[in-house]
Amino acid sequence: MRRNARKRTKSTSGKVIAALAALTLGGGGLVVVNVYASAHETSGGNTVKRSSQGGAGQAVAPQASTIDCPDVGSRLEQTPAGARAQVDKELALLDSQISEAYQKLRSSGRAMAQDSGFANNAVLGPLKDKRAATIERIAAAMDRVGERPQGLESMAACTLRDSGSGQEQGQGESGAGGQEGNGPVAADFVDITKVRPNVTVPRKSRNASRGTFTTRCGVNENKLYNSDNVIVAPGVDNGAHHTHDYVGNQANDAFADNQDFANGETTCRNQGDKSSYYWPVLRLQDGTEEFDAGQQGGGAEGNTGRILTASQVTLDYVGNARGKVVAMPKFLRIITGDAKAFTNGTANANAAWSCTGFENRQLTDQYPICPEGSRLVRTSKFQSCWDGRNVDSANHRTHVAYADPRTGVCPSGFRAIPQLVQRLVYDVNAPSLNDDGSSSPFYAVDGFPEQMHKPVTDHGDFVNVFDERLMNQMVRCINTARQCR
């Protein structure tokens, strides 16, 4: 288990935006690769769908780009148990291949400016070949113990995503743009006071489960960080390609199994909760060299700056608007949101950014600029419907589901379980323009390097390790409309 110590080291909305623009456009030239166009970006109230143009053989426009690859893992709804270990490792390898290709793309601005075929020949072509071989190993592994998946071979080719920012490649190898040049940019921030209230909740029926169970597990005072993801990439070092905060179970790394979780220590006040709660760290772009500044998952993959510890972490379990909830199975794994939503699209995105005092206004694809006296808030509402059989699934999604946002009804065949609502509060000043004309730094969520630190990629992970007694107590509290801690 790695416990890594870290180094510690008032403005109007108009000034904030001016500062962000200065950071984006100034300070040593434009960035070679600085892409920021959401899969479904909003502009002036209109939704702009992302282009699917690109791929091997395309003419590469001289504009900033990132790499967009089909998400193979999302297609694997069923993987035979005998193939699961190899498939997980091969999926993690696909992520590493994209990360390596992105870093090569990012460092090749001048070459691409001089040769329009460089990206296809030197980046996308080799990446396609590597992905094709890896995808074939996935299909063969599944074929040996079950049914060979169809159509995966068509997912080998990747494309370039045009940022739409007007920035041209070859105008500078480093400089503005935060996170070592791969985001965020000014358009990714918005004054929260300018956002209209947009939160709706389903109307509770007479049979609703109205109680709340709160578990207190700290804010990661232990400084437990790693760039693993035991759910998505078990047994793979640096499977997340970004750094996570952890509270609750202290045994969580890539190699932890259920027995490790059962025997692990917990930061939760109630020792009956050994669950693991983890999320990508938030960083302030102030030039601080953190413990992971030169490591994969950290600075080597574009995740730079001072790690911010949440000042408050609230973990509430709430009920269902239509009826009673049942106990979660032990070792249930849930991922909410999509760490690849920038390139995957927003189908699984569940990011919710806001500010204290304005939490009826939630943002998915922009970071909020909070007014003076208000604090930054990240909220994750996890899936609250379970298929009644599985603690995980091949794509880590199909065994759980969200209740209908209007009615609270679970999909057919699913049962309502306590819903984890995770709320993180940060004492962080918004980017601003200082009196001397200089600008304070961006903040951004950690992510896969090619995802450009887009706010829509925020996500959370949960492994249920409640003991049976405490889980049953939680269910009783929620179903009888009590508030329990």
Protein backbone atom coordinates (compact mmCIF):
# COMPACT_ATOMS: atom_id res chain seq x y z
CA MET A 1 0.00 0.00 0.00
CA ARG A 2 1.39 3.35 -1.00
CA ARG A 3 0.92 6.29 1.30
CA ASN A 4 2.48 9.31 -0.32
CA ALA A 5 2.99 12.59 1.48
CA ARG A 6 2.28 15.72 -0.50
CA LYS A 7 3.90 19.14 -0.46
CA ARG A 8 1.92 22.06 0.90
CA THR A 9 2.62 25.16 -0.30
CA LYS A 10 -11.73 38.42 -4.63
CA SER A 11 -12.51 39.10 -7.78
CA THR A 12 -15.52 39.90 -10.03
CA SER A 13 -16.77 37.45 -12.64
CA GLY A 14 -15.53 39.71 -15.43
CA LYS A 15 -12.03 39.74 -14.01
CA VAL A 16 -12.16 35.98 -13.57
CA ILE A 17 -13.00 35.42 -17.23
CA ALA A 18 -10.33 37.92 -18.26
CA ALA A 19 -7.79 36.05 -16.17
CA LEU A 20 -8.77 32.74 -17.69
CA ALA A 21 -8.44 34.17 -21.17
CA ALA A 22 -5.01 35.54 -20.26
CA LEU A 23 -3.93 32.14 -19.03
CA THR A 24 -5.23 30.46 -22.15
CA LEU A 25 -3.74 32.87 -24.67
CA GLY A 26 -0.70 34.22 -22.90
CA GLY A 27 2.32 33.03 -21.02
CA GLY A 28 4.67 31.68 -23.65
CA GLY A 29 2.49 30.95 -26.66
CA LEU A 30 -0.34 28.63 -27.50
CA VAL A 31 -0.25 24.99 -26.56
CA VAL A 32 0.36 22.32 -29.15
CA VAL A 33 -2.49 20.12 -27.97
CA ASN A 34 -5.15 21.83 -25.94
CA VAL A 35 -8.53 20.44 -26.92
CA TYR A 36 -11.75 21.44 -25.24
CA ALA A 37 -15.01 20.71 -27.04
CA SER A 38 -17.42 18.56 -25.11
CA ALA A 39 -19.18 15.67 -26.76
CA HIS A 40 -22.35 17.71 -26.34
CA GLU A 41 -21.03 21.18 -25.55
CA THR A 42 -23.50 23.93 -24.79
CA SER A 43 -23.02 27.34 -26.33
CA GLY A 44 -25.51 30.11 -25.90
CA GLY A 45 -28.12 27.57 -24.84
CA ASN A 46 -27.66 25.48 -27.99
CA THR A 47 -26.23 21.98 -28.02
CA VAL A 48 -23.43 21.30 -30.46
CA LYS A 49 -22.91 17.61 -31.16
CA ARG A 50 -19.36 16.43 -31.61
CA SER A 51 -18.07 15.58 -35.06
CA SER A 52 -17.25 11.99 -35.92
CA GLN A 53 -14.91 13.03 -38.71
CA GLY A 54 -11.33 11.86 -38.70
CA GLY A 55 -9.43 8.62 -38.61
CA ALA A 56 -6.62 7.01 -40.53
CA GLY A 57 -6.35 8.53 -43.97
CA GLN A 58 -7.93 11.85 -43.04
CA ALA A 59 -6.22 15.14 -43.80
CA VAL A 60 -5.06 16.56 -40.49
CA ALA A 61 -6.03 20.19 -40.08
CA PRO A 62 -3.40 22.37 -38.41
CA GLN A 63 -5.41 22.78 -35.24
CA ALA A 64 -5.06 21.49 -31.70
CA SER A 65 -6.32 17.93 -31.33
CA THR A 66 -6.69 15.03 -28.98
CA ILE A 67 -7.14 11.33 -29.65
CA ASP A 68 -10.64 9.84 -29.76
CA CYS A 69 -10.82 6.04 -29.59
CA PRO A 70 -13.88 3.78 -29.32
CA ASP A 71 -14.33 2.48 -25.77
CA VAL A 72 -14.00 -1.29 -26.12
CA GLY A 73 -14.78 -1.96 -22.46
CA SER A 74 -18.22 -0.40 -22.75
CA ARG A 75 -19.15 -2.98 -25.40
CA LEU A 76 -18.39 -5.98 -23.19
CA GLU A 77 -21.60 -6.51 -21.28
CA GLN A 78 -20.82 -10.17 -20.55
CA THR A 79 -17.35 -11.64 -20.09
CA PRO A 80 -16.94 -15.30 -19.04
CA ALA A 81 -15.36 -15.65 -15.61
CA GLY A 82 -12.51 -17.68 -17.06
CA ALA A 83 -11.53 -14.81 -19.36
CA ARG A 84 -12.12 -11.89 -17.01
CA ALA A 85 -8.55 -11.50 -15.68
CA GLN A 86 -6.95 -11.41 -19.12
CA VAL A 87 -9.67 -9.18 -20.57
CA ASP A 88 -9.24 -6.67 -17.75
CA LYS A 89 -5.48 -6.52 -18.34
CA GLU A 90 -5.93 -6.10 -22.10
CA LEU A 91 -8.48 -3.31 -21.59
CA ALA A 92 -5.99 -1.56 -19.31
CA LEU A 93 -3.37 -1.96 -22.03
CA LEU A 94 -5.69 -0.19 -24.49
CA ASP A 95 -5.80 2.78 -22.10
CA SER A 96 -2.01 2.81 -21.86
CA GLN A 97 -1.69 2.73 -25.64
CA ILE A 98 -3.96 5.76 -25.98
CA SER A 99 -2.03 7.62 -23.28
CA GLU A 100 1.29 6.96 -24.99
CA ALA A 101 -0.07 7.98 -28.40
CA TYR A 102 -1.55 11.16 -26.96
CA GLN A 103 1.77 12.12 -25.41
CA LYS A 104 3.51 11.59 -28.74
CA LEU A 105 0.86 13.68 -30.50
CA ARG A 106 1.22 16.42 -27.94
CA SER A 107 4.99 16.63 -28.36
CA SER A 108 4.87 16.65 -32.17
CA GLY A 109 3.28 19.99 -33.00
CA ARG A 110 6.08 21.20 -35.20
CA ALA A 111 6.28 17.92 -37.09
CA MET A 112 2.56 18.01 -37.78
CA ALA A 113 2.77 21.61 -38.96
CA GLN A 114 5.47 20.62 -41.45
CA ASP A 115 3.91 17.32 -42.58
CA SER A 116 0.13 16.92 -42.84
CA GLY A 117 0.54 13.14 -42.84
CA PHE A 118 2.60 12.96 -39.67
CA ALA A 119 -0.28 12.31 -37.24
CA ASN A 120 -1.73 9.53 -39.39
CA ASN A 121 1.60 7.89 -40.17
CA ALA A 122 3.41 8.30 -36.87
CA VAL A 123 0.58 8.31 -34.30
CA LEU A 124 -2.80 7.04 -35.47
CA GLY A 125 -1.52 4.26 -37.74
CA PRO A 126 0.75 2.61 -35.14
CA LEU A 127 -1.94 3.06 -32.50
CA LYS A 128 -4.47 1.26 -34.68
CA ASP A 129 -2.06 -1.66 -35.18
CA LYS A 130 -1.44 -1.99 -31.44
CA ARG A 131 -5.14 -1.76 -30.64
CA ALA A 132 -6.03 -4.35 -33.28
CA ALA A 133 -3.62 -6.86 -31.74
CA THR A 134 -4.91 -6.18 -28.23
CA ILE A 135 -8.56 -6.41 -29.30
CA GLU A 136 -7.82 -9.74 -31.00
CA ARG A 137 -6.39 -11.08 -27.73
CA ILE A 138 -9.56 -9.98 -25.94
CA ALA A 139 -11.75 -11.76 -28.48
CA ALA A 140 -9.59 -14.91 -28.42
CA ALA A 141 -9.62 -15.05 -24.61
CA MET A 142 -13.42 -14.90 -24.58
CA ASP A 143 -13.66 -17.40 -27.45
CA ARG A 144 -11.64 -19.98 -25.51
CA VAL A 145 -14.13 -20.16 -22.65
CA GLY A 146 -17.36 -18.92 -24.18
CA GLU A 147 -18.64 -16.99 -27.15
CA ARG A 148 -16.41 -14.77 -29.26
CA PRO A 149 -17.66 -11.17 -29.29
CA GLN A 150 -18.56 -9.80 -32.70
CA GLY A 151 -17.59 -6.44 -34.13
CA LEU A 152 -14.75 -5.54 -31.80
CA GLU A 153 -12.23 -5.42 -34.64
CA SER A 154 -14.01 -2.36 -36.03
CA MET A 155 -13.08 -0.46 -32.85
CA ALA A 156 -9.32 -0.47 -33.48
CA ALA A 157 -9.12 2.80 -35.44
CA CYS A 158 -8.93 6.11 -33.59
CA THR A 159 -9.50 9.66 -34.81
CA LEU A 160 -8.29 13.15 -34.02
CA ARG A 161 -10.72 15.49 -32.30
CA ASP A 162 -10.48 19.11 -33.40
CA SER A 163 -10.64 21.38 -30.39
CA GLY A 164 -12.65 24.05 -32.16
CA SER A 165 -10.56 26.53 -30.19
CA GLY A 166 -8.97 28.23 -33.17
CA GLN A 167 -5.54 27.30 -31.86
CA GLU A 168 -3.09 26.03 -34.40
CA GLN A 169 -0.51 23.35 -33.88
CA GLY A 170 3.14 24.27 -34.01
CA GLN A 171 2.77 27.62 -32.24
CA GLY A 172 4.49 26.54 -29.07
CA GLU A 173 5.46 23.37 -27.28
CA SER A 174 4.38 24.44 -23.82
CA GLY A 175 2.91 27.34 -21.93
CA ALA A 176 -0.64 28.32 -21.10
CA GLY A 177 -3.50 25.96 -20.85
CA GLY A 178 -3.06 24.49 -17.39
CA GLN A 179 -2.20 20.86 -16.58
CA GLU A 180 0.98 20.93 -18.70
CA GLY A 181 -0.92 22.18 -21.72
CA ASN A 182 -3.87 19.80 -21.88
CA GLY A 183 -6.54 21.87 -20.21
CA PRO A 184 -8.58 23.45 -18.84
CA VAL A 185 -9.32 26.60 -20.85
CA ALA A 186 -11.40 29.70 -20.26
CA ALA A 187 -14.56 28.29 -21.86
CA ASP A 188 -14.62 25.54 -19.25
CA PHE A 189 -15.45 27.96 -16.43
CA VAL A 190 -18.70 29.77 -15.82
CA ASP A 191 -19.97 32.18 -13.17
CA ILE A 192 -22.37 30.09 -11.07
CA THR A 193 -24.54 33.15 -10.42
CA LYS A 194 -25.30 33.26 -14.16
CA VAL A 195 -26.56 29.66 -14.23
CA ARG A 196 -30.30 29.12 -13.90
CA PRO A 197 -31.61 26.71 -11.24
CA ASN A 198 -31.87 23.32 -12.91
CA VAL A 199 -32.25 20.68 -10.20
CA THR A 200 -35.42 18.60 -10.13
CA VAL A 201 -36.28 15.71 -7.83
CA PRO A 202 -38.94 13.03 -8.29
CA ARG A 203 -42.11 13.48 -6.26
CA LYS A 204 -42.17 10.98 -3.42
CA SER A 205 -45.06 8.56 -3.26
CA ARG A 206 -46.81 7.48 -0.07
CA ASN A 207 -44.63 4.36 0.01
CA ALA A 208 -41.34 6.17 -0.46
CA SER A 209 -38.36 5.32 1.74
CA ARG A 210 -37.57 8.71 3.25
CA GLY A 211 -34.79 8.03 5.74
CA THR A 212 -31.07 8.83 5.56
CA PHE A 213 -28.02 6.95 6.80
CA THR A 214 -24.78 8.93 7.08
CA THR A 215 -21.33 7.40 7.40
CA ARG A 216 -18.38 9.56 8.45
CA CYS A 217 -15.07 8.51 6.93
CA GLY A 218 -12.91 11.65 6.93
CA VAL A 219 -11.43 13.61 4.03
CA ASN A 220 -8.30 11.56 3.25
CA GLU A 221 -6.26 12.98 6.11
CA ASN A 222 -4.02 9.92 5.69
CA LYS A 223 -2.95 11.16 2.24
CA LEU A 224 -3.69 7.78 0.67
CA TYR A 225 -3.23 8.28 -3.06
CA ASN A 226 -2.57 6.02 -6.00
CA SER A 227 -3.33 5.92 -9.71
CA ASP A 228 -4.84 2.42 -9.64
CA ASN A 229 -8.45 1.42 -10.19
CA VAL A 230 -9.26 -1.95 -8.66
CA ILE A 231 -12.74 -1.99 -10.25
CA VAL A 232 -11.84 -1.24 -13.86
CA ALA A 233 -8.25 -2.50 -13.96
CA PRO A 234 -7.67 -5.06 -11.18
CA GLY A 235 -4.08 -6.26 -10.98
CA VAL A 236 -2.80 -3.42 -13.19
CA ASP A 237 -0.49 -0.75 -11.78
CA ASN A 238 -1.54 2.79 -12.84
CA GLY A 239 -4.78 1.48 -14.35
CA ALA A 240 -6.50 4.85 -13.88
CA HIS A 241 -3.78 7.06 -15.41
CA HIS A 242 -4.74 9.68 -12.83
CA THR A 243 -4.51 9.97 -9.05
CA HIS A 244 -7.34 9.09 -6.67
CA ASP A 245 -8.26 10.25 -3.18
CA TYR A 246 -9.35 7.40 -0.88
CA VAL A 247 -11.47 7.37 2.27
CA GLY A 248 -12.81 4.38 4.12
CA ASN A 249 -10.95 1.15 3.38
CA GLN A 250 -7.18 1.61 3.50
CA ALA A 251 -6.32 -1.61 1.63
CA ASN A 252 -7.42 -0.32 -1.77
CA ASP A 253 -4.91 -0.61 -4.55
CA ALA A 254 -4.86 -2.43 -7.89
CA PHE A 255 -4.12 -5.77 -6.26
CA ALA A 256 -6.73 -5.76 -3.47
CA ASP A 257 -9.24 -8.61 -3.49
CA ASN A 258 -12.36 -9.11 -1.40
CA GLN A 259 -10.36 -10.70 1.41
CA ASP A 260 -8.03 -7.70 1.51
CA PHE A 261 -11.03 -5.40 1.75
CA ALA A 262 -12.60 -7.53 4.49
CA ASN A 263 -9.37 -7.43 6.52
CA GLY A 264 -8.47 -3.82 5.75
CA GLU A 265 -8.51 -0.93 8.18
CA THR A 266 -11.06 1.84 7.69
CA THR A 267 -11.11 5.57 8.32
CA CYS A 268 -14.86 5.40 8.89
CA ARG A 269 -15.99 6.27 12.40
CA ASN A 270 -18.29 3.26 12.48
CA GLN A 271 -15.92 0.32 12.06
CA GLY A 272 -18.73 -1.72 10.53
CA ASP A 273 -18.23 0.31 7.35
CA LYS A 274 -15.07 -0.88 5.61
CA SER A 275 -16.31 0.30 2.23
CA SER A 276 -13.93 2.02 -0.16
CA TYR A 277 -14.87 5.45 -1.49
CA TYR A 278 -12.54 7.02 -4.06
CA TRP A 279 -12.52 9.77 -6.67
CA PRO A 280 -10.02 11.66 -8.89
CA VAL A 281 -8.14 14.35 -7.02
CA LEU A 282 -8.69 18.04 -7.71
CA ARG A 283 -5.57 20.10 -8.37
CA LEU A 284 -4.71 23.78 -8.29
CA GLN A 285 -2.47 24.81 -11.19
CA ASP A 286 -0.01 26.82 -9.10
CA GLY A 287 3.26 25.20 -10.16
CA THR A 288 3.58 22.95 -7.12
CA GLU A 289 5.52 19.76 -7.77
CA GLU A 290 3.54 17.09 -5.98
CA PHE A 291 4.84 13.67 -4.93
CA ASP A 292 3.71 12.30 -8.31
CA ALA A 293 5.16 15.12 -10.44
CA GLY A 294 7.42 12.75 -12.38
CA GLN A 295 5.26 9.64 -12.18
CA GLN A 296 2.79 7.94 -14.49
CA GLY A 297 -0.70 8.91 -13.38
CA GLY A 298 0.71 12.23 -12.22
CA GLY A 299 2.87 14.79 -13.97
CA ALA A 300 4.17 12.35 -16.57
CA GLU A 301 0.61 12.09 -17.89
CA GLY A 302 -0.36 15.74 -17.57
CA ASN A 303 -1.87 15.68 -14.05
CA THR A 304 0.04 18.49 -12.40
CA GLY A 305 -0.29 21.04 -9.64
CA ARG A 306 -1.15 21.07 -5.95
CA ILE A 307 -3.53 18.34 -4.82
CA LEU A 308 -6.45 19.88 -2.93
CA THR A 309 -7.89 17.94 -0.01
CA ALA A 310 -11.63 18.41 0.42
CA SER A 311 -12.52 20.40 3.52
CA GLN A 312 -15.67 18.31 3.87
CA VAL A 313 -16.72 14.87 2.63
CA THR A 314 -20.33 13.85 3.21
CA LEU A 315 -21.43 10.27 2.48
CA ASP A 316 -25.21 9.90 2.74
CA TYR A 317 -27.34 6.90 1.81
CA VAL A 318 -30.89 7.83 0.86
CA GLY A 319 -34.05 5.97 -0.15
CA ASN A 320 -36.26 5.55 -3.18
CA ALA A 321 -39.09 7.89 -4.16
CA ARG A 322 -41.46 5.00 -4.96
CA GLY A 323 -40.86 2.32 -2.36
CA LYS A 324 -38.64 0.51 0.12
CA VAL A 325 -35.00 -0.38 -0.43
CA VAL A 326 -33.23 -3.72 0.00
CA ALA A 327 -29.72 -4.35 1.30
CA MET A 328 -26.77 -4.07 -1.05
CA PRO A 329 -24.75 -7.26 -1.48
CA LYS A 330 -21.33 -7.21 0.12
CA PHE A 331 -18.52 -6.28 -2.30
CA LEU A 332 -20.94 -4.62 -4.73
CA ARG A 333 -18.94 -2.34 -7.02
CA ILE A 334 -20.41 0.84 -8.51
CA ILE A 335 -18.89 3.49 -10.77
CA THR A 336 -20.83 6.69 -11.31
CA GLY A 337 -19.98 9.02 -14.17
CA ASP A 338 -17.57 8.35 -17.01
CA ALA A 339 -13.85 9.14 -16.87
CA LYS A 340 -13.87 9.14 -20.69
CA ALA A 341 -16.99 11.21 -21.25
CA PHE A 342 -15.08 13.78 -23.32
CA THR A 343 -14.47 11.22 -26.09
CA ASN A 344 -17.21 8.69 -25.26
CA GLY A 345 -20.03 11.21 -25.21
CA THR A 346 -22.30 12.03 -22.29
CA ALA A 347 -24.47 8.88 -22.09
CA ASN A 348 -22.84 7.82 -18.81
CA ALA A 349 -21.69 11.24 -17.63
CA ASN A 350 -22.90 12.13 -14.14
CA ALA A 351 -20.68 15.03 -13.10
CA ALA A 352 -22.28 17.67 -10.90
CA TRP A 353 -20.28 20.81 -10.08
CA SER A 354 -21.66 23.68 -8.03
CA CYS A 355 -21.00 26.12 -5.19
CA THR A 356 -22.29 26.33 -1.65
CA GLY A 357 -25.41 28.47 -1.58
CA PHE A 358 -26.13 27.64 -5.23
CA GLU A 359 -26.58 23.87 -5.19
CA ASN A 360 -29.89 24.09 -7.01
CA ARG A 361 -27.67 24.91 -10.01
CA GLN A 362 -25.58 21.93 -11.11
CA LEU A 363 -23.05 21.95 -13.96
CA THR A 364 -21.96 18.93 -15.96
CA ASP A 365 -19.60 20.26 -18.64
CA GLN A 366 -18.20 23.38 -16.98
CA TYR A 367 -16.39 24.25 -13.76
CA PRO A 368 -18.15 26.84 -11.58
CA ILE A 369 -16.71 30.18 -10.59
CA CYS A 370 -18.01 30.67 -7.06
CA PRO A 371 -18.64 34.14 -5.59
CA GLU A 372 -16.73 35.35 -2.57
CA GLY A 373 -17.66 33.40 0.54
CA SER A 374 -18.94 30.41 -1.45
CA ARG A 375 -17.05 27.11 -1.76
CA LEU A 376 -16.68 24.65 -4.62
CA VAL A 377 -18.86 21.49 -4.47
CA ARG A 378 -18.62 18.16 -6.35
CA THR A 379 -21.66 15.90 -5.93
CA SER A 380 -21.93 12.29 -7.11
CA LYS A 381 -25.23 10.41 -6.94
CA PHE A 382 -24.57 6.72 -7.46
CA GLN A 383 -26.85 4.22 -9.18
CA SER A 384 -29.64 3.12 -6.85
CA CYS A 385 -31.06 0.07 -8.66
CA TRP A 386 -29.44 -3.40 -8.60
CA ASP A 387 -30.11 -6.43 -10.80
CA GLY A 388 -30.48 -8.69 -7.73
CA ARG A 389 -27.69 -11.07 -8.81
CA ASN A 390 -24.31 -9.57 -9.63
CA VAL A 391 -21.80 -7.52 -7.62
CA ASP A 392 -20.11 -6.37 -10.83
CA SER A 393 -20.43 -6.70 -14.61
CA ALA A 394 -18.01 -6.84 -17.53
CA ASN A 395 -18.44 -3.15 -18.34
CA HIS A 396 -19.02 -2.29 -14.64
CA ARG A 397 -22.39 -0.75 -15.47
CA THR A 398 -25.09 -3.23 -16.45
CA HIS A 399 -25.50 -4.79 -12.98
CA VAL A 400 -26.74 -1.45 -11.61
CA ALA A 401 -28.91 1.32 -13.00
CA TYR A 402 -30.34 4.73 -12.17
CA ALA A 403 -33.95 5.11 -11.14
CA ASP A 404 -36.11 7.15 -13.50
CA PRO A 405 -35.26 10.79 -12.63
CA ARG A 406 -38.92 11.84 -12.85
CA THR A 407 -40.66 8.96 -11.11
CA GLY A 408 -37.97 7.20 -9.10
CA VAL A 409 -38.95 3.83 -10.60
CA CYS A 410 -36.20 1.25 -11.16
CA PRO A 411 -35.93 -0.52 -14.53
CA SER A 412 -37.78 -3.81 -14.89
CA GLY A 413 -36.00 -6.60 -13.05
CA PHE A 414 -34.01 -4.23 -10.81
CA ARG A 415 -34.44 -3.64 -7.08
CA ALA A 416 -34.07 -0.33 -5.25
CA ILE A 417 -31.03 -0.17 -2.95
CA PRO A 418 -29.78 2.65 -0.73
CA GLN A 419 -28.40 5.40 -2.95
CA LEU A 420 -24.96 6.74 -2.08
CA VAL A 421 -24.81 10.53 -2.38
CA GLN A 422 -21.23 11.76 -2.11
CA ARG A 423 -20.61 15.48 -1.60
CA LEU A 424 -17.11 16.99 -1.64
CA VAL A 425 -16.52 20.60 -0.60
CA TYR A 426 -13.30 22.51 -1.37
CA ASP A 427 -11.95 25.78 -0.02
CA VAL A 428 -10.54 26.97 -3.33
CA ASN A 429 -10.57 30.41 -4.85
CA ALA A 430 -11.76 30.65 -8.43
CA PRO A 431 -9.21 31.69 -11.06
CA SER A 432 -8.93 35.46 -10.86
CA LEU A 433 -7.03 38.52 -12.05
CA ASN A 434 -4.66 39.91 -9.42
CA ASP A 435 -4.04 43.62 -8.75
CA ASP A 436 -0.72 43.53 -10.63
CA GLY A 437 -2.39 42.11 -13.73
CA SER A 438 -1.11 38.58 -13.22
CA SER A 439 -3.56 35.72 -13.00
CA SER A 440 -4.10 33.08 -10.34
CA PRO A 441 -4.13 29.43 -11.42
CA PHE A 442 -6.79 27.17 -12.81
CA TYR A 443 -8.11 24.22 -10.90
CA ALA A 444 -9.03 20.98 -12.63
CA VAL A 445 -9.98 17.38 -11.96
CA ASP A 446 -7.44 14.64 -12.67
CA GLY A 447 -8.15 12.43 -15.66
CA PHE A 448 -6.86 10.33 -18.52
CA PRO A 449 -4.44 12.58 -20.44
CA GLU A 450 -6.42 12.55 -23.70
CA GLN A 451 -9.57 13.61 -21.84
CA MET A 452 -8.16 17.12 -21.41
CA HIS A 453 -9.27 17.52 -17.77
CA LYS A 454 -12.78 18.18 -18.97
CA PRO A 455 -15.20 18.67 -16.03
CA VAL A 456 -17.67 16.25 -17.65
CA THR A 457 -15.21 13.41 -16.92
CA ASP A 458 -15.64 13.65 -13.15
CA HIS A 459 -16.62 10.31 -11.60
CA GLY A 460 -16.70 8.32 -8.38
CA ASP A 461 -16.04 4.73 -7.34
CA PHE A 462 -17.49 2.65 -4.51
CA VAL A 463 -16.91 -0.86 -3.16
CA ASN A 464 -19.45 -1.93 -0.52
CA VAL A 465 -17.76 -3.52 2.50
CA PHE A 466 -20.45 -2.87 5.14
CA ASP A 467 -20.87 -5.72 7.57
CA GLU A 468 -24.29 -7.39 7.46
CA ARG A 469 -25.46 -5.93 10.76
CA LEU A 470 -24.72 -2.33 9.81
CA MET A 471 -26.13 -2.75 6.30
CA ASN A 472 -29.39 -4.06 7.75
CA GLN A 473 -29.45 -1.13 10.17
CA MET A 474 -29.03 1.24 7.22
CA VAL A 475 -31.97 -0.35 5.39
CA ARG A 476 -34.20 -0.11 8.46
CA CYS A 477 -33.32 3.55 8.99
CA ILE A 478 -34.06 4.46 5.40
CA ASN A 479 -37.28 2.45 5.18
CA THR A 480 -38.64 3.85 8.45
CA ALA A 481 -37.85 7.49 7.63
CA ARG A 482 -35.23 7.93 10.32
CA GLN A 483 -31.99 9.93 10.22
CA CYS A 484 -29.15 7.68 11.37
CA ARG A 485 -25.40 8.09 11.78
